[in-house]
Amino acid sequence: MPPLGVATWQDGKALLDPRRITVIRVVDTHNAPGRRTRVDNRGLTVGRVDVSEPASIASGIAARYATAIFETAKETKRLSKLEGSVTALSDALDVSDDLRNMINSPVVSREDQGKAVAAIADKLKLAPALARGLGVMAKNRRLFAVPQLLVQLRALMAEEKGEVSADVTSAKALTKAQADKLTKSLTARVGKAVKINASVDETLIGGLIVKVGSKMIDTSIRSKLSSLQSSMKEVG
């Protein structure tokens, strides 16, 4: 049976095609001898392999790549292009399960990951510095740190412009009025211009999670319910 491969640029681009119907399925084979993997041309079925990395390690790896990519873009006067590329790649990760699975997959080879990210960089017209950086990350099996890479790049670009980057997660998309009000409030609180990086997590139920640097404010209903549940256990 042939190994999983993203053999062509067209295959890589297909990761971003919303019409693509091939689904990557991850099944739990915890009790299977040898925890072997199987690949189906109509999709992918793999044994669950623990490839998780501690957040601190992933962030540390991402920081080194982000600094190199940022400095290269700055030297070539392409920071504006880099900023747009970071947004484009972040949006792609948000909408494509296949793309997220590819960067985290332990069964996709370095070569095939490299071909996939090259295809994606071409389709999204990513800044050269970011495209090359992703290629090096694929070669070194570091694509799992791409989400942290994007966070680090946003922070570096915000610092360059004298801004503070705030990651805001809400249960549903913020309206322009809500985003503007939050930006104004955060700007007044931190004393610098704030740029919001918004994302949606429906599991929050309601409220917000706001992260500015090392500080986090969690007003989500999910967090409040979790706290209530913990309190009830203590009472019980």
C-alpha atoms as a PDB file:
ATOM      1  CA  MET A   1       0.000   0.000   0.000  1.00  0.00           C
ATOM      2  CA  PRO A   2       1.472   3.389  -0.950  1.00  0.00           C
ATOM      3  CA  PRO A   3       2.537   5.771   1.829  1.00  0.00           C
ATOM      4  CA  LEU A   4       0.695   8.997   2.443  1.00  0.00           C
ATOM      5  CA  GLY A   5       2.069  11.664   0.163  1.00  0.00           C
ATOM      6  CA  VAL A   6       1.339  15.193  -0.967  1.00  0.00           C
ATOM      7  CA  ALA A   7       3.251  14.502  -4.147  1.00  0.00           C
ATOM      8  CA  THR A   8       2.360  17.487  -6.307  1.00  0.00           C
ATOM      9  CA  TRP A   9       1.737  21.176  -5.936  1.00  0.00           C
ATOM     10  CA  GLN A  10      -1.865  20.501  -6.940  1.00  0.00           C
ATOM     11  CA  ASP A  11      -2.185  18.096  -4.002  1.00  0.00           C
ATOM     12  CA  GLY A  12      -0.834  20.743  -1.665  1.00  0.00           C
ATOM     13  CA  LYS A  13      -3.226  23.363  -3.005  1.00  0.00           C
ATOM     14  CA  ALA A  14      -6.102  20.924  -2.535  1.00  0.00           C
ATOM     15  CA  LEU A  15      -5.582  21.199   1.222  1.00  0.00           C
ATOM     16  CA  LEU A  16      -7.084  24.675   0.973  1.00  0.00           C
ATOM     17  CA  ASP A  17      -9.961  23.772  -1.362  1.00  0.00           C
ATOM     18  CA  PRO A  18     -13.255  23.952   0.586  1.00  0.00           C
ATOM     19  CA  ARG A  19     -14.820  21.644  -2.015  1.00  0.00           C
ATOM     20  CA  ARG A  20     -12.328  18.881  -1.234  1.00  0.00           C
ATOM     21  CA  ILE A  21     -14.174  15.887   0.176  1.00  0.00           C
ATOM     22  CA  THR A  22     -11.263  13.683   1.190  1.00  0.00           C
ATOM     23  CA  VAL A  23     -11.304  13.512   4.961  1.00  0.00           C
ATOM     24  CA  ILE A  24      -8.430  12.738   7.294  1.00  0.00           C
ATOM     25  CA  ARG A  25      -9.670  10.512  10.065  1.00  0.00           C
ATOM     26  CA  VAL A  26      -7.661   9.792  13.187  1.00  0.00           C
ATOM     27  CA  VAL A  27      -8.729   6.725  15.087  1.00  0.00           C
ATOM     28  CA  ASP A  28      -7.673   5.503  18.487  1.00  0.00           C
ATOM     29  CA  THR A  29      -5.678   2.276  18.222  1.00  0.00           C
ATOM     30  CA  HIS A  30      -4.292   2.481  21.737  1.00  0.00           C
ATOM     31  CA  ASN A  31      -4.767  -1.234  22.296  1.00  0.00           C
ATOM     32  CA  ALA A  32      -3.539  -2.365  18.875  1.00  0.00           C
ATOM     33  CA  PRO A  33      -0.212  -4.266  18.927  1.00  0.00           C
ATOM     34  CA  GLY A  34       2.578  -2.094  17.621  1.00  0.00           C
ATOM     35  CA  ARG A  35       0.139   0.798  17.097  1.00  0.00           C
ATOM     36  CA  ARG A  36       0.502   0.403  13.338  1.00  0.00           C
ATOM     37  CA  THR A  37      -0.822   2.888  10.799  1.00  0.00           C
ATOM     38  CA  ARG A  38      -2.885   2.266   7.682  1.00  0.00           C
ATOM     39  CA  VAL A  39      -3.335   4.604   4.761  1.00  0.00           C
ATOM     40  CA  ASP A  40      -6.311   4.660   2.425  1.00  0.00           C
ATOM     41  CA  ASN A  41      -6.168   6.531  -0.890  1.00  0.00           C
ATOM     42  CA  ARG A  42      -9.690   7.750  -0.254  1.00  0.00           C
ATOM     43  CA  GLY A  43      -8.674   9.258   3.032  1.00  0.00           C
ATOM     44  CA  LEU A  44      -6.308   8.542   5.870  1.00  0.00           C
ATOM     45  CA  THR A  45      -6.716   6.237   8.819  1.00  0.00           C
ATOM     46  CA  VAL A  46      -3.818   6.298  11.243  1.00  0.00           C
ATOM     47  CA  GLY A  47      -3.157   4.985  14.700  1.00  0.00           C
ATOM     48  CA  ARG A  48      -3.074   7.756  17.243  1.00  0.00           C
ATOM     49  CA  VAL A  49       0.526   8.751  17.864  1.00  0.00           C
ATOM     50  CA  ASP A  50       1.468  11.175  20.595  1.00  0.00           C
ATOM     51  CA  VAL A  51       3.297  13.982  18.796  1.00  0.00           C
ATOM     52  CA  SER A  52       2.283  16.673  21.242  1.00  0.00           C
ATOM     53  CA  GLU A  53       4.986  19.071  22.310  1.00  0.00           C
ATOM     54  CA  PRO A  54       4.936  21.110  25.491  1.00  0.00           C
ATOM     55  CA  ALA A  55       3.676  24.590  24.691  1.00  0.00           C
ATOM     56  CA  SER A  56       6.864  26.147  26.004  1.00  0.00           C
ATOM     57  CA  ILE A  57       8.994  24.048  23.629  1.00  0.00           C
ATOM     58  CA  ALA A  58       6.820  24.857  20.617  1.00  0.00           C
ATOM     59  CA  SER A  59       6.879  28.557  21.511  1.00  0.00           C
ATOM     60  CA  GLY A  60      10.653  28.493  21.904  1.00  0.00           C
ATOM     61  CA  ILE A  61      11.097  26.848  18.522  1.00  0.00           C
ATOM     62  CA  ALA A  62       8.638  29.256  16.903  1.00  0.00           C
ATOM     63  CA  ALA A  63      10.409  32.272  18.407  1.00  0.00           C
ATOM     64  CA  ARG A  64      13.684  31.429  16.663  1.00  0.00           C
ATOM     65  CA  TYR A  65      12.076  30.980  13.274  1.00  0.00           C
ATOM     66  CA  ALA A  66       9.880  34.058  13.750  1.00  0.00           C
ATOM     67  CA  THR A  67      12.883  36.246  14.538  1.00  0.00           C
ATOM     68  CA  ALA A  68      14.743  35.047  11.432  1.00  0.00           C
ATOM     69  CA  ILE A  69      11.702  35.508   9.175  1.00  0.00           C
ATOM     70  CA  PHE A  70      10.900  38.928  10.625  1.00  0.00           C
ATOM     71  CA  GLU A  71      14.469  40.221  10.324  1.00  0.00           C
ATOM     72  CA  THR A  72      14.713  39.000   6.721  1.00  0.00           C
ATOM     73  CA  ALA A  73      11.428  40.690   5.787  1.00  0.00           C
ATOM     74  CA  LYS A  74      12.544  43.876   7.530  1.00  0.00           C
ATOM     75  CA  GLU A  75      15.892  43.946   5.735  1.00  0.00           C
ATOM     76  CA  THR A  76      14.175  43.492   2.376  1.00  0.00           C
ATOM     77  CA  LYS A  77      11.515  46.093   3.277  1.00  0.00           C
ATOM     78  CA  ARG A  78       8.664  43.593   2.978  1.00  0.00           C
ATOM     79  CA  LEU A  79       7.098  43.811   6.418  1.00  0.00           C
ATOM     80  CA  SER A  80       3.785  44.916   4.939  1.00  0.00           C
ATOM     81  CA  LYS A  81       3.762  41.853   2.684  1.00  0.00           C
ATOM     82  CA  LEU A  82       4.687  39.654   5.654  1.00  0.00           C
ATOM     83  CA  GLU A  83       1.818  41.040   7.720  1.00  0.00           C
ATOM     84  CA  GLY A  84      -0.685  40.174   5.003  1.00  0.00           C
ATOM     85  CA  SER A  85       0.861  36.731   4.602  1.00  0.00           C
ATOM     86  CA  VAL A  86       0.560  35.979   8.317  1.00  0.00           C
ATOM     87  CA  THR A  87      -3.140  36.843   8.165  1.00  0.00           C
ATOM     88  CA  ALA A  88      -3.673  34.721   5.041  1.00  0.00           C
ATOM     89  CA  LEU A  89      -1.940  31.671   6.508  1.00  0.00           C
ATOM     90  CA  SER A  90      -3.742  32.061   9.833  1.00  0.00           C
ATOM     91  CA  ASP A  91      -7.103  32.194   8.030  1.00  0.00           C
ATOM     92  CA  ALA A  92      -6.169  29.080   6.045  1.00  0.00           C
ATOM     93  CA  LEU A  93      -5.348  27.190   9.246  1.00  0.00           C
ATOM     94  CA  ASP A  94      -8.676  28.259  10.732  1.00  0.00           C
ATOM     95  CA  VAL A  95     -10.749  26.873   7.852  1.00  0.00           C
ATOM     96  CA  SER A  96      -8.772  23.801   6.762  1.00  0.00           C
ATOM     97  CA  ASP A  97      -8.764  20.697   8.944  1.00  0.00           C
ATOM     98  CA  ASP A  98      -6.559  18.998   6.364  1.00  0.00           C
ATOM     99  CA  LEU A  99      -3.942  21.723   6.591  1.00  0.00           C
ATOM    100  CA  ARG A 100      -3.853  21.517  10.378  1.00  0.00           C
ATOM    101  CA  ASN A 101      -3.581  17.731  10.199  1.00  0.00           C
ATOM    102  CA  MET A 102      -0.772  17.934   7.653  1.00  0.00           C
ATOM    103  CA  ILE A 103       1.464  20.194   9.758  1.00  0.00           C
ATOM    104  CA  ASN A 104       0.971  17.936  12.779  1.00  0.00           C
ATOM    105  CA  SER A 105       1.119  14.577  11.022  1.00  0.00           C
ATOM    106  CA  PRO A 106       3.812  12.082  12.038  1.00  0.00           C
ATOM    107  CA  VAL A 107       3.233  10.034   8.868  1.00  0.00           C
ATOM    108  CA  VAL A 108       3.726  12.700   6.209  1.00  0.00           C
ATOM    109  CA  SER A 109       7.383  12.742   5.164  1.00  0.00           C
ATOM    110  CA  ARG A 110       9.617  15.815   5.353  1.00  0.00           C
ATOM    111  CA  GLU A 111       9.710  15.903   1.563  1.00  0.00           C
ATOM    112  CA  ASP A 112       5.953  15.775   1.178  1.00  0.00           C
ATOM    113  CA  GLN A 113       5.412  18.383   3.893  1.00  0.00           C
ATOM    114  CA  GLY A 114       7.901  20.587   2.071  1.00  0.00           C
ATOM    115  CA  LYS A 115       6.033  20.161  -1.219  1.00  0.00           C
ATOM    116  CA  ALA A 116       2.728  20.897   0.508  1.00  0.00           C
ATOM    117  CA  VAL A 117       3.897  24.120   2.161  1.00  0.00           C
ATOM    118  CA  ALA A 118       5.521  25.236  -1.107  1.00  0.00           C
ATOM    119  CA  ALA A 119       2.198  24.743  -2.878  1.00  0.00           C
ATOM    120  CA  ILE A 120       0.332  26.577  -0.145  1.00  0.00           C
ATOM    121  CA  ALA A 121       2.847  29.444  -0.191  1.00  0.00           C
ATOM    122  CA  ASP A 122       2.341  29.719  -3.945  1.00  0.00           C
ATOM    123  CA  LYS A 123      -1.453  29.648  -3.714  1.00  0.00           C
ATOM    124  CA  LEU A 124      -1.571  32.228  -0.916  1.00  0.00           C
ATOM    125  CA  LYS A 125       1.269  34.285  -2.443  1.00  0.00           C
ATOM    126  CA  LEU A 126       3.098  34.355   0.870  1.00  0.00           C
ATOM    127  CA  ALA A 127       6.017  36.702   1.499  1.00  0.00           C
ATOM    128  CA  PRO A 128       9.305  35.090   0.365  1.00  0.00           C
ATOM    129  CA  ALA A 129      10.766  35.159   3.889  1.00  0.00           C
ATOM    130  CA  LEU A 130       7.754  33.305   5.305  1.00  0.00           C
ATOM    131  CA  ALA A 131       7.661  30.816   2.429  1.00  0.00           C
ATOM    132  CA  ARG A 132      11.346  29.977   2.896  1.00  0.00           C
ATOM    133  CA  GLY A 133      10.922  29.761   6.660  1.00  0.00           C
ATOM    134  CA  LEU A 134       8.084  27.266   6.289  1.00  0.00           C
ATOM    135  CA  GLY A 135      10.250  25.223   3.951  1.00  0.00           C
ATOM    136  CA  VAL A 136      13.028  25.045   6.530  1.00  0.00           C
ATOM    137  CA  MET A 137      10.517  24.136   9.245  1.00  0.00           C
ATOM    138  CA  ALA A 138       9.216  21.297   7.069  1.00  0.00           C
ATOM    139  CA  LYS A 139      12.749  20.035   6.478  1.00  0.00           C
ATOM    140  CA  ASN A 140      13.431  20.083  10.228  1.00  0.00           C
ATOM    141  CA  ARG A 141      10.048  18.560  11.181  1.00  0.00           C
ATOM    142  CA  ARG A 142       8.980  21.725  12.975  1.00  0.00           C
ATOM    143  CA  LEU A 143       5.712  22.531  11.190  1.00  0.00           C
ATOM    144  CA  PHE A 144       3.766  21.692  14.370  1.00  0.00           C
ATOM    145  CA  ALA A 145       4.982  25.076  15.679  1.00  0.00           C
ATOM    146  CA  VAL A 146       3.378  27.084  12.838  1.00  0.00           C
ATOM    147  CA  PRO A 147       0.457  28.390  14.970  1.00  0.00           C
ATOM    148  CA  GLN A 148       2.947  29.688  17.573  1.00  0.00           C
ATOM    149  CA  LEU A 149       5.087  31.077  14.742  1.00  0.00           C
ATOM    150  CA  LEU A 150       2.186  33.224  13.563  1.00  0.00           C
ATOM    151  CA  VAL A 151       1.575  34.504  17.094  1.00  0.00           C
ATOM    152  CA  GLN A 152       5.265  35.425  17.447  1.00  0.00           C
ATOM    153  CA  LEU A 153       5.341  37.176  14.062  1.00  0.00           C
ATOM    154  CA  ARG A 154       2.267  39.228  14.948  1.00  0.00           C
ATOM    155  CA  ALA A 155       3.905  40.276  18.199  1.00  0.00           C
ATOM    156  CA  LEU A 156       7.142  41.294  16.436  1.00  0.00           C
ATOM    157  CA  MET A 157       5.291  43.323  13.828  1.00  0.00           C
ATOM    158  CA  ALA A 158       3.132  45.002  16.459  1.00  0.00           C
ATOM    159  CA  GLU A 159       6.249  45.910  18.455  1.00  0.00           C
ATOM    160  CA  GLU A 160       7.870  47.320  15.327  1.00  0.00           C
ATOM    161  CA  LYS A 161       4.888  49.648  14.884  1.00  0.00           C
ATOM    162  CA  GLY A 162       4.722  50.557  18.563  1.00  0.00           C
ATOM    163  CA  GLU A 163       1.557  48.521  19.027  1.00  0.00           C
ATOM    164  CA  VAL A 164       0.578  45.838  21.492  1.00  0.00           C
ATOM    165  CA  SER A 165      -0.911  42.654  20.093  1.00  0.00           C
ATOM    166  CA  ALA A 166      -3.961  41.250  21.891  1.00  0.00           C
ATOM    167  CA  ASP A 167      -5.298  37.762  21.144  1.00  0.00           C
ATOM    168  CA  VAL A 168      -9.049  37.792  21.662  1.00  0.00           C
ATOM    169  CA  THR A 169     -11.131  34.614  21.583  1.00  0.00           C
ATOM    170  CA  SER A 170     -14.913  34.852  21.688  1.00  0.00           C
ATOM    171  CA  ALA A 171     -17.827  32.428  21.434  1.00  0.00           C
ATOM    172  CA  LYS A 172     -18.972  34.162  18.250  1.00  0.00           C
ATOM    173  CA  ALA A 173     -17.399  36.686  15.913  1.00  0.00           C
ATOM    174  CA  LEU A 174     -17.152  40.202  17.300  1.00  0.00           C
ATOM    175  CA  THR A 175     -19.021  42.943  15.484  1.00  0.00           C
ATOM    176  CA  LYS A 176     -17.018  45.942  14.295  1.00  0.00           C
ATOM    177  CA  ALA A 177     -18.568  48.034  17.072  1.00  0.00           C
ATOM    178  CA  GLN A 178     -17.587  45.462  19.706  1.00  0.00           C
ATOM    179  CA  ALA A 179     -14.054  45.145  18.339  1.00  0.00           C
ATOM    180  CA  ASP A 180     -13.612  48.918  18.255  1.00  0.00           C
ATOM    181  CA  LYS A 181     -14.892  49.277  21.822  1.00  0.00           C
ATOM    182  CA  LEU A 182     -12.595  46.502  23.055  1.00  0.00           C
ATOM    183  CA  THR A 183      -9.623  47.999  21.240  1.00  0.00           C
ATOM    184  CA  LYS A 184     -10.282  51.397  22.830  1.00  0.00           C
ATOM    185  CA  SER A 185     -10.622  49.846  26.285  1.00  0.00           C
ATOM    186  CA  LEU A 186      -7.424  47.801  25.971  1.00  0.00           C
ATOM    187  CA  THR A 187      -5.497  50.775  24.574  1.00  0.00           C
ATOM    188  CA  ALA A 188      -6.480  52.834  27.595  1.00  0.00           C
ATOM    189  CA  ARG A 189      -5.502  50.008  29.929  1.00  0.00           C
ATOM    190  CA  VAL A 190      -2.034  49.223  28.510  1.00  0.00           C
ATOM    191  CA  GLY A 191      -1.138  52.755  27.450  1.00  0.00           C
ATOM    192  CA  LYS A 192      -0.253  51.762  23.857  1.00  0.00           C
ATOM    193  CA  ALA A 193      -2.079  51.241  20.610  1.00  0.00           C
ATOM    194  CA  VAL A 194      -3.583  47.745  20.602  1.00  0.00           C
ATOM    195  CA  LYS A 195      -4.141  45.525  17.600  1.00  0.00           C
ATOM    196  CA  ILE A 196      -6.673  42.749  18.110  1.00  0.00           C
ATOM    197  CA  ASN A 197      -6.160  39.274  16.662  1.00  0.00           C
ATOM    198  CA  ALA A 198      -9.651  37.841  16.891  1.00  0.00           C
ATOM    199  CA  SER A 199     -10.667  34.177  16.756  1.00  0.00           C
ATOM    200  CA  VAL A 200     -13.816  32.207  17.530  1.00  0.00           C
ATOM    201  CA  ASP A 201     -14.231  29.245  19.880  1.00  0.00           C
ATOM    202  CA  GLU A 202     -17.879  28.235  20.250  1.00  0.00           C
ATOM    203  CA  THR A 203     -17.060  26.052  23.259  1.00  0.00           C
ATOM    204  CA  LEU A 204     -16.627  29.219  25.327  1.00  0.00           C
ATOM    205  CA  ILE A 205     -20.450  29.508  25.213  1.00  0.00           C
ATOM    206  CA  GLY A 206     -20.189  33.243  25.907  1.00  0.00           C
ATOM    207  CA  GLY A 207     -17.772  35.924  27.089  1.00  0.00           C
ATOM    208  CA  LEU A 208     -14.166  36.490  26.062  1.00  0.00           C
ATOM    209  CA  ILE A 209     -10.598  35.345  26.618  1.00  0.00           C
ATOM    210  CA  VAL A 210      -8.126  38.188  26.133  1.00  0.00           C
ATOM    211  CA  LYS A 211      -4.358  37.642  26.147  1.00  0.00           C
ATOM    212  CA  VAL A 212      -1.974  40.583  26.115  1.00  0.00           C
ATOM    213  CA  GLY A 213       1.613  39.455  26.447  1.00  0.00           C
ATOM    214  CA  SER A 214       1.853  37.158  29.471  1.00  0.00           C
ATOM    215  CA  LYS A 215      -1.433  38.412  30.948  1.00  0.00           C
ATOM    216  CA  MET A 216      -4.775  36.725  30.334  1.00  0.00           C
ATOM    217  CA  ILE A 217      -8.311  37.799  31.183  1.00  0.00           C
ATOM    218  CA  ASP A 218     -10.868  34.981  30.998  1.00  0.00           C
ATOM    219  CA  THR A 219     -14.498  36.084  31.272  1.00  0.00           C
ATOM    220  CA  SER A 220     -15.909  33.128  29.324  1.00  0.00           C
ATOM    221  CA  ILE A 221     -18.975  31.288  30.558  1.00  0.00           C
ATOM    222  CA  ARG A 222     -17.060  28.043  30.110  1.00  0.00           C
ATOM    223  CA  SER A 223     -14.460  29.240  32.599  1.00  0.00           C
ATOM    224  CA  LYS A 224     -17.120  30.338  35.067  1.00  0.00           C
ATOM    225  CA  LEU A 225     -18.894  26.980  34.799  1.00  0.00           C
ATOM    226  CA  SER A 226     -15.598  25.192  35.334  1.00  0.00           C
ATOM    227  CA  SER A 227     -14.921  27.269  38.446  1.00  0.00           C
ATOM    228  CA  LEU A 228     -18.428  26.564  39.719  1.00  0.00           C
ATOM    229  CA  GLN A 229     -17.968  22.855  39.110  1.00  0.00           C
ATOM    230  CA  SER A 230     -14.696  22.880  41.063  1.00  0.00           C
ATOM    231  CA  SER A 231     -16.373  24.722  43.925  1.00  0.00           C
ATOM    232  CA  MET A 232     -19.223  22.205  44.017  1.00  0.00           C
ATOM    233  CA  LYS A 233     -16.723  19.335  44.216  1.00  0.00           C
ATOM    234  CA  GLU A 234     -15.063  20.983  47.198  1.00  0.00           C
ATOM    235  CA  VAL A 235     -18.425  21.406  48.892  1.00  0.00           C
ATOM    236  CA  GLY A 236     -19.327  17.768  48.153  1.00  0.00           C
END
